[in-house]
Amino acid sequence: MANIKQQAKRNITNEKRRLRNVSLKSSVRTAIKKVELAISNDNYEEALELYKVAAKRLDTAQGKGVYHKNSVARKKSHLCKAINKIAPK
């Protein structure tokens, strides 16, 4: 328990933000796993559609400060690279 009133207030705020961050990270991880599953099944069209969802969730999380912009760019780049490998020629 905090001895300082302001720190007690900050603890409440920190817990709210932590819960939001956990929720956003979970949804991002789920979206990425779905894309990776579609890639492993060589399903290009499905992977492309799921990538759009994953990219949107990544950008949302980055905008809220959950992920650093370079981390988001790296994750999106890795997914794009994998999708392009299974693209029909």
N, C-alpha and C. Protein backbone atom coordinates (compact mmCIF):
# COMPACT_ATOMS: atom_id res chain seq x y z
N MET A 1 0.84 -1.19 0.00
CA MET A 1 0.00 0.00 0.00
C MET A 1 0.88 1.24 0.00
N ALA A 2 0.52 2.18 -0.83
CA ALA A 2 1.31 3.40 -0.95
C ALA A 2 1.07 4.32 0.24
N ASN A 3 2.13 4.98 0.67
CA ASN A 3 2.02 5.96 1.76
C ASN A 3 1.66 7.34 1.23
N ILE A 4 1.93 7.58 -0.03
CA ILE A 4 1.69 8.90 -0.63
C ILE A 4 0.40 8.83 -1.45
N LYS A 5 -0.45 9.85 -1.28
CA LYS A 5 -1.76 9.85 -1.92
C LYS A 5 -1.66 9.78 -3.44
N GLN A 6 -0.74 10.55 -4.01
CA GLN A 6 -0.60 10.57 -5.46
C GLN A 6 -0.16 9.20 -6.00
N GLN A 7 0.68 8.52 -5.25
CA GLN A 7 1.12 7.19 -5.70
C GLN A 7 -0.03 6.19 -5.67
N ALA A 8 -0.93 6.34 -4.70
CA ALA A 8 -2.10 5.47 -4.65
C ALA A 8 -2.96 5.68 -5.90
N LYS A 9 -3.11 6.93 -6.32
CA LYS A 9 -3.86 7.24 -7.54
C LYS A 9 -3.16 6.66 -8.76
N ARG A 10 -1.84 6.78 -8.80
CA ARG A 10 -1.07 6.25 -9.93
C ARG A 10 -1.19 4.73 -10.00
N ASN A 11 -1.25 4.08 -8.85
CA ASN A 11 -1.39 2.62 -8.84
C ASN A 11 -2.69 2.19 -9.52
N ILE A 12 -3.76 2.94 -9.29
CA ILE A 12 -5.04 2.64 -9.92
C ILE A 12 -4.93 2.82 -11.43
N THR A 13 -4.33 3.92 -11.86
CA THR A 13 -4.14 4.20 -13.28
C THR A 13 -3.26 3.14 -13.93
N ASN A 14 -2.18 2.78 -13.25
CA ASN A 14 -1.26 1.78 -13.79
C ASN A 14 -1.95 0.43 -13.99
N GLU A 15 -2.81 0.06 -13.06
CA GLU A 15 -3.52 -1.21 -13.18
C GLU A 15 -4.48 -1.19 -14.37
N LYS A 16 -5.18 -0.07 -14.57
CA LYS A 16 -6.08 0.06 -15.71
C LYS A 16 -5.31 -0.08 -17.02
N ARG A 17 -4.17 0.60 -17.10
CA ARG A 17 -3.36 0.53 -18.32
C ARG A 17 -2.78 -0.85 -18.53
N ARG A 18 -2.38 -1.49 -17.45
CA ARG A 18 -1.82 -2.84 -17.57
C ARG A 18 -2.86 -3.80 -18.15
N LEU A 19 -4.09 -3.71 -17.65
CA LEU A 19 -5.15 -4.57 -18.15
C LEU A 19 -5.44 -4.30 -19.62
N ARG A 20 -5.44 -3.03 -20.01
CA ARG A 20 -5.65 -2.68 -21.42
C ARG A 20 -4.52 -3.24 -22.28
N ASN A 21 -3.28 -3.10 -21.80
CA ASN A 21 -2.13 -3.59 -22.55
C ASN A 21 -2.17 -5.10 -22.72
N VAL A 22 -2.54 -5.81 -21.65
CA VAL A 22 -2.62 -7.27 -21.71
C VAL A 22 -3.66 -7.68 -22.75
N SER A 23 -4.79 -7.01 -22.75
CA SER A 23 -5.86 -7.33 -23.69
C SER A 23 -5.42 -7.09 -25.13
N LEU A 24 -4.79 -5.94 -25.38
CA LEU A 24 -4.33 -5.62 -26.73
C LEU A 24 -3.25 -6.59 -27.19
N LYS A 25 -2.31 -6.90 -26.32
CA LYS A 25 -1.24 -7.83 -26.70
C LYS A 25 -1.81 -9.21 -27.02
N SER A 26 -2.80 -9.63 -26.26
CA SER A 26 -3.41 -10.92 -26.50
C SER A 26 -4.09 -10.96 -27.86
N SER A 27 -4.83 -9.91 -28.20
CA SER A 27 -5.52 -9.89 -29.49
C SER A 27 -4.52 -9.84 -30.65
N VAL A 28 -3.41 -9.13 -30.45
CA VAL A 28 -2.37 -9.07 -31.48
C VAL A 28 -1.75 -10.45 -31.68
N ARG A 29 -1.41 -11.11 -30.59
CA ARG A 29 -0.79 -12.44 -30.69
C ARG A 29 -1.73 -13.44 -31.37
N THR A 30 -3.02 -13.36 -31.04
CA THR A 30 -4.00 -14.25 -31.65
C THR A 30 -4.08 -14.00 -33.15
N ALA A 31 -4.12 -12.74 -33.55
CA ALA A 31 -4.19 -12.39 -34.97
C ALA A 31 -2.96 -12.89 -35.72
N ILE A 32 -1.79 -12.72 -35.12
CA ILE A 32 -0.55 -13.17 -35.76
C ILE A 32 -0.53 -14.69 -35.90
N LYS A 33 -1.00 -15.39 -34.87
CA LYS A 33 -1.04 -16.85 -34.93
C LYS A 33 -1.96 -17.34 -36.04
N LYS A 34 -3.09 -16.64 -36.24
CA LYS A 34 -4.01 -17.02 -37.31
C LYS A 34 -3.35 -16.85 -38.68
N VAL A 35 -2.61 -15.75 -38.85
CA VAL A 35 -1.90 -15.53 -40.11
C VAL A 35 -0.86 -16.62 -40.32
N GLU A 36 -0.10 -16.93 -39.29
CA GLU A 36 0.94 -17.95 -39.41
C GLU A 36 0.34 -19.33 -39.71
N LEU A 37 -0.83 -19.61 -39.17
CA LEU A 37 -1.49 -20.88 -39.45
C LEU A 37 -1.91 -20.95 -40.92
N ALA A 38 -2.46 -19.85 -41.43
CA ALA A 38 -2.85 -19.81 -42.84
C ALA A 38 -1.62 -19.96 -43.74
N ILE A 39 -0.51 -19.35 -43.33
CA ILE A 39 0.74 -19.46 -44.11
C ILE A 39 1.23 -20.90 -44.11
N SER A 40 1.18 -21.55 -42.96
CA SER A 40 1.66 -22.94 -42.87
C SER A 40 0.79 -23.89 -43.68
N ASN A 41 -0.49 -23.51 -43.90
CA ASN A 41 -1.38 -24.32 -44.73
C ASN A 41 -1.32 -23.92 -46.20
N ASP A 42 -0.41 -23.01 -46.55
CA ASP A 42 -0.24 -22.51 -47.93
C ASP A 42 -1.53 -21.92 -48.49
N ASN A 43 -2.29 -21.24 -47.65
CA ASN A 43 -3.53 -20.61 -48.07
C ASN A 43 -3.27 -19.11 -48.23
N TYR A 44 -2.91 -18.71 -49.44
CA TYR A 44 -2.47 -17.34 -49.71
C TYR A 44 -3.58 -16.32 -49.47
N GLU A 45 -4.77 -16.59 -50.03
CA GLU A 45 -5.86 -15.61 -49.93
C GLU A 45 -6.28 -15.38 -48.48
N GLU A 46 -6.41 -16.48 -47.74
CA GLU A 46 -6.80 -16.36 -46.33
C GLU A 46 -5.72 -15.64 -45.53
N ALA A 47 -4.46 -15.96 -45.81
CA ALA A 47 -3.35 -15.31 -45.11
C ALA A 47 -3.36 -13.81 -45.36
N LEU A 48 -3.66 -13.43 -46.60
CA LEU A 48 -3.69 -12.00 -46.95
C LEU A 48 -4.79 -11.27 -46.19
N GLU A 49 -5.98 -11.89 -46.12
CA GLU A 49 -7.09 -11.27 -45.39
C GLU A 49 -6.78 -11.18 -43.90
N LEU A 50 -6.23 -12.24 -43.35
CA LEU A 50 -5.90 -12.25 -41.92
C LEU A 50 -4.76 -11.28 -41.61
N TYR A 51 -3.87 -11.08 -42.57
CA TYR A 51 -2.78 -10.13 -42.38
C TYR A 51 -3.32 -8.72 -42.20
N LYS A 52 -4.35 -8.38 -42.98
CA LYS A 52 -4.94 -7.04 -42.86
C LYS A 52 -5.49 -6.81 -41.45
N VAL A 53 -6.12 -7.83 -40.90
CA VAL A 53 -6.65 -7.74 -39.53
C VAL A 53 -5.51 -7.60 -38.54
N ALA A 54 -4.48 -8.42 -38.71
CA ALA A 54 -3.33 -8.39 -37.79
C ALA A 54 -2.62 -7.05 -37.86
N ALA A 55 -2.45 -6.51 -39.07
CA ALA A 55 -1.77 -5.23 -39.23
C ALA A 55 -2.55 -4.11 -38.55
N LYS A 56 -3.87 -4.17 -38.67
CA LYS A 56 -4.70 -3.15 -38.03
C LYS A 56 -4.57 -3.23 -36.51
N ARG A 57 -4.58 -4.44 -35.98
CA ARG A 57 -4.43 -4.59 -34.52
C ARG A 57 -3.05 -4.15 -34.05
N LEU A 58 -2.03 -4.46 -34.83
CA LEU A 58 -0.68 -4.02 -34.48
C LEU A 58 -0.59 -2.50 -34.48
N ASP A 59 -1.17 -1.87 -35.50
CA ASP A 59 -1.12 -0.41 -35.58
C ASP A 59 -1.88 0.24 -34.43
N THR A 60 -3.01 -0.36 -34.06
CA THR A 60 -3.79 0.16 -32.93
C THR A 60 -2.99 0.07 -31.64
N ALA A 61 -2.36 -1.08 -31.42
CA ALA A 61 -1.56 -1.27 -30.21
C ALA A 61 -0.37 -0.32 -30.19
N GLN A 62 0.23 -0.09 -31.35
CA GLN A 62 1.36 0.84 -31.42
C GLN A 62 0.90 2.26 -31.13
N GLY A 63 -0.26 2.63 -31.61
CA GLY A 63 -0.80 3.96 -31.37
C GLY A 63 -1.10 4.22 -29.90
N LYS A 64 -1.44 3.16 -29.18
CA LYS A 64 -1.75 3.29 -27.76
C LYS A 64 -0.52 3.11 -26.88
N GLY A 65 0.64 2.90 -27.52
CA GLY A 65 1.88 2.82 -26.77
C GLY A 65 2.19 1.45 -26.20
N VAL A 66 1.50 0.43 -26.67
CA VAL A 66 1.74 -0.92 -26.17
C VAL A 66 3.01 -1.50 -26.79
N TYR A 67 3.20 -1.24 -28.09
CA TYR A 67 4.40 -1.69 -28.80
C TYR A 67 5.14 -0.48 -29.36
N HIS A 68 6.44 -0.60 -29.49
CA HIS A 68 7.26 0.43 -30.14
C HIS A 68 7.03 0.33 -31.65
N LYS A 69 7.14 1.46 -32.34
CA LYS A 69 6.86 1.47 -33.78
C LYS A 69 7.78 0.55 -34.56
N ASN A 70 9.03 0.43 -34.13
CA ASN A 70 9.96 -0.46 -34.84
C ASN A 70 9.60 -1.93 -34.64
N SER A 71 9.10 -2.27 -33.47
CA SER A 71 8.66 -3.64 -33.21
C SER A 71 7.49 -4.00 -34.11
N VAL A 72 6.56 -3.06 -34.24
CA VAL A 72 5.39 -3.29 -35.09
C VAL A 72 5.83 -3.44 -36.55
N ALA A 73 6.73 -2.57 -36.99
CA ALA A 73 7.22 -2.65 -38.37
C ALA A 73 7.91 -3.98 -38.62
N ARG A 74 8.68 -4.44 -37.66
CA ARG A 74 9.39 -5.72 -37.80
C ARG A 74 8.40 -6.88 -37.89
N LYS A 75 7.40 -6.89 -37.01
CA LYS A 75 6.41 -7.97 -37.01
C LYS A 75 5.65 -8.01 -38.34
N LYS A 76 5.23 -6.83 -38.82
CA LYS A 76 4.50 -6.76 -40.08
C LYS A 76 5.39 -7.20 -41.25
N SER A 77 6.65 -6.81 -41.21
CA SER A 77 7.58 -7.17 -42.27
C SER A 77 7.79 -8.68 -42.33
N HIS A 78 7.93 -9.32 -41.18
CA HIS A 78 8.13 -10.77 -41.13
C HIS A 78 6.90 -11.49 -41.70
N LEU A 79 5.71 -11.00 -41.36
CA LEU A 79 4.50 -11.62 -41.88
C LEU A 79 4.40 -11.45 -43.39
N CYS A 80 4.70 -10.25 -43.88
CA CYS A 80 4.64 -9.98 -45.33
C CYS A 80 5.61 -10.87 -46.08
N LYS A 81 6.79 -11.00 -45.54
CA LYS A 81 7.82 -11.82 -46.17
C LYS A 81 7.34 -13.27 -46.29
N ALA A 82 6.74 -13.78 -45.23
CA ALA A 82 6.25 -15.16 -45.23
C ALA A 82 5.08 -15.33 -46.20
N ILE A 83 4.21 -14.33 -46.27
CA ILE A 83 3.07 -14.40 -47.19
C ILE A 83 3.56 -14.37 -48.63
N ASN A 84 4.55 -13.55 -48.92
CA ASN A 84 5.07 -13.45 -50.28
C ASN A 84 5.74 -14.75 -50.73
N LYS A 85 6.26 -15.53 -49.79
CA LYS A 85 6.88 -16.81 -50.15
C LYS A 85 5.86 -17.80 -50.68
N ILE A 86 4.62 -17.73 -50.16
CA ILE A 86 3.60 -18.69 -50.60
C ILE A 86 2.72 -18.12 -51.71
N ALA A 87 3.01 -16.91 -52.17
CA ALA A 87 2.21 -16.27 -53.21
C ALA A 87 2.28 -17.08 -54.50
N PRO A 88 1.14 -17.19 -55.19
CA PRO A 88 1.17 -17.89 -56.48
C PRO A 88 1.98 -17.08 -57.49
N LYS A 89 2.73 -17.78 -58.29
CA LYS A 89 3.62 -17.11 -59.25
C LYS A 89 2.87 -16.70 -60.50
